[in-house]
Structures are given as C-alpha cells and as structure tokens.
Amino acid sequence: MCENTIKKRKIIVYNPKLKEYARELRNNATEVEIYLWLKLKGKQMYGYDFHRQKPIDNYILDFFCQELMLGIEVDGYSHELVEVYKKDVAKEKRMNELDITILRFTDNQVKNDMENVLRAIEYYIFNFERHTPSPSQEGN
C-alpha cells in the first residue's frame, strides 16, 4: 500500500470575535502595511500565500503564511511604548508556542529599506526550505 505523501496543514485556531476587527484592520491599513502587502500578495514571495491581518489564537498578525508558519509584524511608533512592547512580547511568545516564527520590522525599515526587509523574508524562506523535507522525502 502506498504511503500518503500529502502533508497535512496544521489547524490554527482563533478567537472568532477577532474576525470583524481583523477585517477593519485590513480596510484601514497603514501606508507602510500596504507597501509591504504589495510585495507579499498574490504568492509573489516564492509562491507562498500570505494573508494580512490574520487572526490566530487571541491575536492578529499583520501578515501570515501558514505553509511557512511565519508571521510578519510591522511596528509603528506606538510599539516603543512600554505597555505596547509588553503586549508584543506576550504575542510573540504565544506565536512561538504555536510553532509560528515572527519577523519584526519597523515602519521605518519597510518604508526606507524595503530591499533588506525582503531579503530577511527570503532568508527565512530559504532556511525553511532547506530544513523542511519535501513530501517525496517524508517517510524515507
């Protein structure tokens, strides 16, 4: 009998109360979020499907790719405030518990250094692909 080589997607739960708020965030995205989204949408990043303002658990990630288990956060000036920073730390800790890696960039990085932001995302993807067996390799 042939082994099943289709990799199952991990089910990621979220608080349904966040769905409407995530929609509001998508409809009221910052200029910087839109700028990065233009580079991620439509599987432009090596064929990976990113979503924006994605509810996960009790949080919303700015950008998320389930296949990569990668969240991307774009932090504006408010993230320098202690209370916001503490929430970011808790959010990132929870995402890591769910096996989601978070890449963080400042508004300034996205706005003024997009090339290196994209390089950091590419670097993550290359490492992910190098360390993740393809479906044909699983079970060997």
Protein backbone atom coordinates (compact mmCIF):
# COMPACT_ATOMS: atom_id res chain seq x y z
CA MET A 1 0.00 0.00 0.00
CA CYS A 2 1.28 3.47 -0.93
CA GLU A 3 2.13 5.86 1.88
CA ASN A 4 0.25 9.13 1.97
CA THR A 5 2.78 11.79 0.96
CA ILE A 6 0.42 14.75 1.21
CA LYS A 7 1.49 16.98 4.06
CA LYS A 8 -1.47 17.96 6.22
CA ARG A 9 -1.86 21.60 7.16
CA LYS A 10 -1.81 22.30 10.85
CA ILE A 11 -5.16 23.63 12.05
CA ILE A 12 -4.72 27.05 13.56
CA VAL A 13 -7.49 28.15 15.88
CA TYR A 14 -8.51 31.74 16.50
CA ASN A 15 -10.93 33.70 18.59
CA PRO A 16 -13.94 34.26 16.27
CA LYS A 17 -14.57 37.59 17.97
CA LEU A 18 -11.41 38.87 16.24
CA LYS A 19 -12.70 38.23 12.71
CA GLU A 20 -14.56 41.52 12.35
CA TYR A 21 -11.73 43.51 13.93
CA ALA A 22 -9.24 41.90 11.52
CA ARG A 23 -11.47 42.99 8.62
CA GLU A 24 -11.46 46.55 9.99
CA LEU A 25 -7.67 46.49 10.22
CA ARG A 26 -7.42 45.29 6.60
CA ASN A 27 -9.76 48.05 5.46
CA ASN A 28 -7.82 50.68 7.41
CA ALA A 29 -4.26 49.52 6.76
CA THR A 30 -1.38 51.91 7.24
CA GLU A 31 0.55 53.16 4.24
CA VAL A 32 3.53 51.05 5.32
CA GLU A 33 1.44 47.88 5.67
CA ILE A 34 0.05 48.43 2.17
CA TYR A 35 3.58 48.98 0.84
CA LEU A 36 4.72 45.61 2.23
CA TRP A 37 1.49 43.88 1.21
CA LEU A 38 2.15 44.87 -2.42
CA LYS A 39 5.32 42.74 -2.21
CA LEU A 40 3.71 39.73 -0.46
CA LYS A 41 0.27 39.37 -2.03
CA GLY A 42 -0.56 37.03 -4.89
CA LYS A 43 2.13 34.49 -3.99
CA GLN A 44 4.85 36.88 -5.21
CA MET A 45 7.22 35.72 -2.48
CA TYR A 46 8.47 32.44 -3.98
CA GLY A 47 4.94 31.14 -4.44
CA TYR A 48 3.97 31.36 -0.76
CA ASP A 49 0.47 32.52 0.12
CA PHE A 50 0.46 35.35 2.67
CA HIS A 51 -2.64 36.75 4.36
CA ARG A 52 -2.90 40.09 6.08
CA GLN A 53 -4.42 40.86 9.46
CA LYS A 54 -4.79 37.16 10.21
CA PRO A 55 -6.46 36.17 13.50
CA ILE A 56 -4.52 33.46 15.32
CA ASP A 57 -5.38 32.37 18.84
CA ASN A 58 -6.27 35.61 20.66
CA TYR A 59 -4.08 37.81 18.46
CA ILE A 60 -3.99 39.28 14.97
CA LEU A 61 -0.80 39.07 12.93
CA ASP A 62 -0.10 41.78 10.36
CA PHE A 63 0.92 39.14 7.80
CA PHE A 64 0.89 35.36 7.99
CA CYS A 65 1.88 32.44 5.79
CA GLN A 66 0.58 29.13 7.11
CA GLU A 67 2.78 26.95 4.92
CA LEU A 68 5.88 28.68 6.29
CA MET A 69 4.39 29.10 9.78
CA LEU A 70 5.68 32.67 9.51
CA GLY A 71 4.16 35.82 10.92
CA ILE A 72 5.40 39.27 9.96
CA GLU A 73 4.77 42.26 12.19
CA VAL A 74 5.26 45.88 11.18
CA ASP A 75 5.77 48.06 14.23
CA GLY A 76 4.95 51.76 14.25
CA TYR A 77 6.00 54.31 16.84
CA SER A 78 3.42 53.06 19.39
CA HIS A 79 5.38 49.81 19.75
CA GLU A 80 8.08 51.80 21.57
CA LEU A 81 5.67 52.39 24.45
CA VAL A 82 6.25 50.04 27.38
CA GLU A 83 2.67 48.71 27.55
CA VAL A 84 2.58 48.02 23.79
CA TYR A 85 6.02 46.42 23.92
CA LYS A 86 4.86 44.09 26.72
CA LYS A 87 1.86 43.04 24.60
CA ASP A 88 4.20 42.39 21.65
CA VAL A 89 6.39 40.17 23.82
CA ALA A 90 3.37 38.16 25.02
CA LYS A 91 2.04 37.87 21.47
CA GLU A 92 5.38 36.66 20.11
CA LYS A 93 5.76 34.17 22.96
CA ARG A 94 2.32 32.72 22.21
CA MET A 95 3.05 32.53 18.48
CA ASN A 96 6.30 30.68 19.22
CA GLU A 97 4.32 28.22 21.38
CA LEU A 98 2.19 27.57 18.28
CA ASP A 99 5.38 26.98 16.23
CA ILE A 100 4.98 30.28 14.41
CA THR A 101 8.12 32.33 13.83
CA ILE A 102 7.72 36.10 13.94
CA LEU A 103 9.79 38.52 11.88
CA ARG A 104 9.53 42.11 13.12
CA PHE A 105 10.22 45.22 11.12
CA THR A 106 9.75 48.87 11.97
CA ASP A 107 7.69 51.21 9.83
CA ASN A 108 10.94 52.97 9.01
CA GLN A 109 12.59 49.76 7.77
CA VAL A 110 9.68 48.94 5.48
CA LYS A 111 9.39 52.49 4.20
CA ASN A 112 13.09 53.24 3.69
CA ASP A 113 14.82 49.86 3.37
CA MET A 114 12.36 47.53 1.66
CA GLU A 115 15.17 45.69 -0.12
CA ASN A 116 16.62 44.44 3.17
CA VAL A 117 13.16 43.66 4.59
CA LEU A 118 12.51 41.43 1.59
CA ARG A 119 15.98 39.89 1.95
CA ALA A 120 15.21 38.97 5.57
CA ILE A 121 11.96 37.29 4.50
CA GLU A 122 13.79 35.49 1.67
CA TYR A 123 16.45 34.32 4.12
CA TYR A 124 13.75 32.85 6.34
CA ILE A 125 12.15 31.08 3.34
CA PHE A 126 15.48 29.64 2.14
CA ASN A 127 16.26 28.31 5.62
CA PHE A 128 12.74 26.91 5.97
CA GLU A 129 13.01 25.10 2.63
CA ARG A 130 16.47 23.78 3.41
CA HIS A 131 15.31 22.30 6.74
CA THR A 132 11.85 21.07 5.71
CA PRO A 133 11.66 17.73 3.89
CA SER A 134 9.70 17.73 0.67
CA PRO A 135 6.65 15.42 0.53
CA SER A 136 8.67 12.92 -1.53
CA GLN A 137 11.36 12.80 1.19
CA GLU A 138 8.92 12.22 4.06
CA GLY A 139 8.62 8.62 5.08
CA ASN A 140 12.02 7.67 3.59
